[in-house]
Protein backbone atom coordinates (compact mmCIF):
# COMPACT_ATOMS: atom_id res chain seq x y z
CA UNK A 1 127.57 -121.38 211.65
CA UNK A 2 126.39 -123.84 208.99
CA UNK A 3 128.99 -125.56 206.84
CA UNK A 4 129.31 -124.73 203.14
CA UNK A 5 127.84 -128.15 202.34
CA UNK A 6 124.85 -127.54 204.58
CA UNK A 7 124.32 -124.13 202.95
CA UNK A 8 124.42 -125.65 199.48
CA UNK A 9 122.00 -128.41 200.49
CA UNK A 10 119.59 -125.87 201.96
CA UNK A 11 119.78 -123.73 198.84
CA UNK A 12 119.06 -126.68 196.54
CA UNK A 13 116.10 -127.69 198.68
CA UNK A 14 114.46 -124.31 198.09
CA UNK A 15 112.29 -123.92 194.95
CA UNK A 16 113.57 -121.64 192.22
CA UNK A 17 111.54 -118.43 192.74
CA UNK A 18 109.51 -116.58 190.15
CA UNK A 19 108.86 -119.50 187.81
CA UNK A 20 106.09 -118.81 185.28
CA UNK A 21 102.81 -120.37 186.42
CA UNK A 22 100.86 -120.20 183.16
CA UNK A 23 100.65 -123.60 181.43
CA UNK A 24 99.93 -123.95 177.71
CA UNK A 25 96.55 -125.52 176.85
CA UNK A 26 98.22 -128.28 174.83
CA UNK A 27 100.66 -129.34 177.55
CA UNK A 28 100.31 -133.11 177.87
CA UNK A 29 102.39 -133.16 181.08
CA UNK A 30 99.77 -131.30 183.13
CA UNK A 31 97.51 -134.32 183.76
CA UNK A 32 95.08 -132.02 185.58
CA UNK A 33 97.53 -131.53 188.44
CA UNK A 34 99.29 -128.15 188.32
CA UNK A 35 100.84 -128.64 191.76
CA UNK A 36 102.63 -131.82 190.70
CA UNK A 37 103.57 -130.20 187.39
CA UNK A 38 105.43 -127.52 189.33
CA UNK A 39 107.06 -130.05 191.66
CA UNK A 40 108.39 -132.06 188.69
CA UNK A 41 109.95 -128.94 187.17
CA UNK A 42 111.63 -127.95 190.43
CA UNK A 43 112.85 -131.51 190.97
CA UNK A 44 114.45 -131.44 187.53
CA UNK A 45 116.40 -128.35 188.50
CA UNK A 46 117.72 -130.05 191.65
CA UNK A 47 118.90 -132.97 189.48
CA UNK A 48 120.60 -130.52 187.12
CA UNK A 49 122.16 -128.38 189.84
CA UNK A 50 123.60 -131.34 191.73
CA UNK A 51 124.98 -132.72 188.45
CA UNK A 52 126.65 -129.42 187.62
CA UNK A 53 128.16 -129.24 191.11
CA UNK A 54 129.50 -132.79 190.83
CA UNK A 55 131.02 -132.01 187.43
CA UNK A 56 132.52 -128.72 188.56
CA UNK A 57 130.57 -126.59 186.08
CA UNK A 58 129.33 -123.42 187.76
CA UNK A 59 127.88 -121.22 185.05
CA UNK A 60 126.63 -122.92 181.86
CA UNK A 61 126.25 -120.37 179.06
CA UNK A 62 124.47 -122.49 176.46
CA UNK A 63 121.70 -124.82 177.59
CA UNK A 64 119.52 -127.35 175.72
CA UNK A 65 116.19 -128.76 176.92
CA UNK A 66 115.52 -131.96 174.92
CA UNK A 67 112.66 -132.82 174.73
CA UNK A 68 111.17 -129.56 175.94
CA UNK A 69 107.46 -130.35 175.59
CA UNK A 70 105.57 -127.17 176.51
CA UNK A 71 108.14 -126.06 179.05
CA UNK A 72 107.64 -127.94 182.31
CA UNK A 73 111.39 -127.76 182.91
CA UNK A 74 112.22 -124.94 180.47
CA UNK A 75 110.41 -122.40 182.66
CA UNK A 76 112.56 -123.38 185.64
CA UNK A 77 115.78 -123.27 183.62
CA UNK A 78 114.91 -119.79 182.42
CA UNK A 79 114.62 -118.53 186.01
CA UNK A 80 117.51 -120.53 187.45
CA UNK A 81 119.91 -119.58 184.62
CA UNK A 82 118.57 -116.18 183.51
CA UNK A 83 121.65 -115.24 181.48
CA UNK A 84 122.04 -118.53 179.62
CA UNK A 85 121.28 -118.94 175.93
CA UNK A 86 118.46 -121.46 176.07
CA UNK A 87 117.60 -123.81 173.18
CA UNK A 88 114.50 -126.01 173.11
CA UNK A 89 113.95 -129.06 170.91
CA UNK A 90 111.05 -131.47 170.49
CA UNK A 91 109.01 -133.33 167.87
CA UNK A 92 105.99 -131.41 169.18
CA UNK A 93 106.24 -128.21 167.16
CA UNK A 94 103.52 -126.48 169.14
CA UNK A 95 105.51 -127.13 172.31
CA UNK A 96 108.72 -125.80 170.75
CA UNK A 97 106.93 -122.68 169.51
CA UNK A 98 105.38 -122.09 172.93
CA UNK A 99 108.74 -122.40 174.72
CA UNK A 100 110.38 -120.05 172.23
CA UNK A 101 107.67 -117.44 172.72
CA UNK A 102 107.08 -117.78 176.47
CA UNK A 103 110.65 -118.31 177.67
CA UNK A 104 112.82 -116.56 175.09
CA UNK A 105 114.37 -119.80 173.85
CA UNK A 106 115.84 -120.67 170.45
CA UNK A 107 113.51 -123.19 168.76
CA UNK A 108 114.74 -126.35 167.03
CA UNK A 109 112.32 -128.93 165.66
CA UNK A 110 113.44 -132.50 166.28
CA UNK A 111 113.24 -135.43 163.84
CA UNK A 112 112.06 -139.01 164.18
CA UNK A 113 115.60 -140.03 163.28
CA UNK A 114 117.85 -138.36 165.85
CA UNK A 115 120.81 -138.78 163.52
CA UNK A 116 119.25 -135.98 161.46
CA UNK A 117 119.12 -133.55 164.41
CA UNK A 118 121.85 -130.94 164.71
CA UNK A 119 122.50 -127.60 166.37
CA UNK A 120 124.45 -124.53 165.26
CA UNK A 121 126.58 -124.59 168.40
CA UNK A 122 127.40 -127.06 171.15
CA UNK A 123 126.13 -126.80 174.73
CA UNK A 124 127.51 -126.50 178.24
CA UNK A 125 124.42 -128.23 179.64
CA UNK A 126 121.87 -130.62 178.17
CA UNK A 127 118.79 -131.67 180.12
CA UNK A 128 117.28 -134.82 178.60
CA UNK A 129 114.25 -135.61 180.73
CA UNK A 130 112.14 -138.67 179.93
CA UNK A 131 113.27 -139.21 176.35
CA UNK A 132 115.13 -142.52 176.49
CA UNK A 133 112.34 -143.76 178.78
CA UNK A 134 110.22 -143.98 175.60
CA UNK A 135 112.77 -145.37 173.13
CA UNK A 136 113.96 -148.81 172.03
CA UNK A 137 117.65 -149.67 172.18
CA UNK A 138 118.55 -148.10 168.79
CA UNK A 139 116.72 -144.91 169.80
CA UNK A 140 118.37 -144.97 173.20
CA UNK A 141 121.83 -145.22 171.62
CA UNK A 142 120.97 -142.54 169.04
CA UNK A 143 120.08 -140.20 171.91
CA UNK A 144 123.48 -140.67 173.51
CA UNK A 145 125.21 -140.15 170.19
CA UNK A 146 123.30 -136.89 169.77
CA UNK A 147 124.31 -135.83 173.27
CA UNK A 148 127.97 -136.65 172.63
CA UNK A 149 128.17 -134.60 169.44
CA UNK A 150 126.21 -131.70 170.97
CA UNK A 151 128.27 -131.09 174.13
CA UNK A 152 131.14 -128.66 174.38
CA UNK A 153 134.34 -129.93 176.01
CA UNK A 154 133.56 -130.22 179.76
CA UNK A 155 129.84 -129.83 178.96
CA UNK A 156 127.39 -131.77 181.14
CA UNK A 157 124.37 -133.86 180.17
CA UNK A 158 121.72 -134.87 182.71
CA UNK A 159 119.68 -137.80 181.37
CA UNK A 160 116.78 -139.61 183.04
CA UNK A 161 115.77 -143.24 182.62
CA UNK A 162 113.50 -145.94 184.03
CA UNK A 163 115.57 -148.06 186.40
CA UNK A 164 115.10 -150.45 189.30
CA UNK A 165 112.26 -148.50 190.90
CA UNK A 166 110.28 -148.47 187.65
CA UNK A 167 110.91 -152.21 187.30
CA UNK A 168 109.51 -152.73 190.79
CA UNK A 169 106.45 -150.63 189.95
CA UNK A 170 105.83 -152.70 186.82
CA UNK A 171 106.25 -155.93 188.78
CA UNK A 172 103.67 -154.76 191.33
CA UNK A 173 100.99 -153.65 188.87
CA UNK A 174 101.93 -150.30 187.28
CA UNK A 175 101.31 -150.58 183.54
CA UNK A 176 102.84 -147.34 182.24
CA UNK A 177 100.06 -147.02 179.66
CA UNK A 178 100.70 -150.49 178.19
CA UNK A 179 98.65 -153.68 178.04
CA UNK A 180 99.81 -156.08 180.73
CA UNK A 181 101.20 -158.49 178.14
CA UNK A 182 103.61 -155.80 176.92
CA UNK A 183 104.65 -154.97 180.47
CA UNK A 184 105.51 -158.64 180.96
CA UNK A 185 107.47 -158.53 177.70
CA UNK A 186 109.53 -155.62 179.02
CA UNK A 187 110.12 -157.30 182.37
CA UNK A 188 111.21 -160.58 180.76
CA UNK A 189 113.78 -158.82 178.56
CA UNK A 190 114.92 -156.67 181.50
CA UNK A 191 115.47 -159.77 183.63
CA UNK A 192 117.43 -161.49 180.87
CA UNK A 193 119.58 -158.61 179.57
CA UNK A 194 119.10 -155.53 181.77
CA UNK A 195 117.12 -153.75 179.02
CA UNK A 196 113.47 -154.07 178.08
CA UNK A 197 111.18 -152.21 175.70
CA UNK A 198 107.69 -152.39 174.20
CA UNK A 199 105.79 -150.06 171.86
CA UNK A 200 102.61 -148.33 172.84
CA UNK A 201 99.63 -149.90 171.09
CA UNK A 202 99.13 -147.03 168.64
CA UNK A 203 102.54 -146.95 167.00
CA UNK A 204 106.04 -148.30 166.55
CA UNK A 205 109.36 -146.96 167.79
CA UNK A 206 107.77 -145.13 170.71
CA UNK A 207 106.75 -146.81 173.94
CA UNK A 208 108.29 -147.59 177.31
CA UNK A 209 111.84 -148.71 178.07
CA UNK A 210 113.41 -150.06 181.22
CA UNK A 211 117.11 -150.50 181.91
CA UNK A 212 119.19 -151.47 184.88
CA UNK A 213 122.03 -149.27 186.13
CA UNK A 214 124.43 -152.12 185.33
CA UNK A 215 123.26 -152.26 181.70
CA UNK A 216 123.56 -148.50 181.43
CA UNK A 217 127.11 -148.38 182.77
CA UNK A 218 128.04 -151.25 180.49
CA UNK A 219 126.94 -149.22 177.47
CA UNK A 220 128.38 -145.87 178.50
CA UNK A 221 131.78 -147.19 179.57
CA UNK A 222 132.64 -147.93 175.94
CA UNK A 223 132.39 -144.23 175.05
CA UNK A 224 135.65 -142.63 176.06
CA UNK A 225 134.29 -139.24 174.98
CA UNK A 226 132.10 -139.18 178.09
CA UNK A 227 133.01 -139.19 181.77
CA UNK A 228 130.45 -140.72 184.11
CA UNK A 229 129.93 -138.11 186.84
CA UNK A 230 126.99 -139.53 188.81
CA UNK A 231 124.14 -142.01 188.75
CA UNK A 232 121.29 -141.39 191.19
CA UNK A 233 118.28 -143.65 191.54
CA UNK A 234 114.76 -142.14 191.88
CA UNK A 235 116.20 -138.63 191.80
CA UNK A 236 113.75 -136.99 189.40
CA UNK A 237 110.37 -136.57 191.02
CA UNK A 238 111.04 -139.62 193.22
CA UNK A 239 110.60 -141.78 190.11
CA UNK A 240 113.13 -141.70 187.28
CA UNK A 241 116.83 -142.39 187.72
CA UNK A 242 119.37 -139.78 186.64
CA UNK A 243 122.68 -140.21 184.85
CA UNK A 244 125.14 -137.30 184.70
CA UNK A 245 127.91 -137.43 182.08
CA UNK A 246 130.54 -134.91 181.06
CA UNK A 247 132.28 -134.47 177.72
CA UNK A 248 136.01 -134.98 177.83
CA UNK A 249 138.35 -132.40 176.41
């Protein structure tokens, strides 16, 4: 007879069934590869589920997907947590509208300044997939401040970031959509401080960030409102690292 742990592991390894297959025409996450699109969504759920288990939260009632895009993860959350009140938030209004219509979610349009973003109620679970990966240090910190003020007591946030594996990929030729000179800029800052960032060429305040687990823990440990539950490298889609935090209270 399998142990409870083995049963849980086997259950988490299985894809969430019945996830909507239709992808919105404007979904920038598709990249012409619907199979990988589905894998990334299912991988996100495994990150979330293991984080909830580690935090001891079994049945989140209010859930936020930030940023939701056009629903790569939202569609999985809807099936995995069918009774949850699901809220979606993004700067991409078309993506928010699509998620609201297709997955029965409450729409909230985000702002460039995250300090201006607020919700009517706090959440038991926040999934924050690949947001801080695109933000400079002030944006990174603003994201965590938004998370802290948007969690209910004992609520859980699952946040992804570019860590050591992404640094290795940059060092060995992966450019992450940046000119090589900007990649070298990120790597130099990362080596010196544990955090690196550079804008994309077509704008400011949005680009690619890289931070070490040590830098991350150094920042989060100052916030007594949050308990560090877990930090897993390369957990989301065998690429991004995952931090799980829980609101005290």
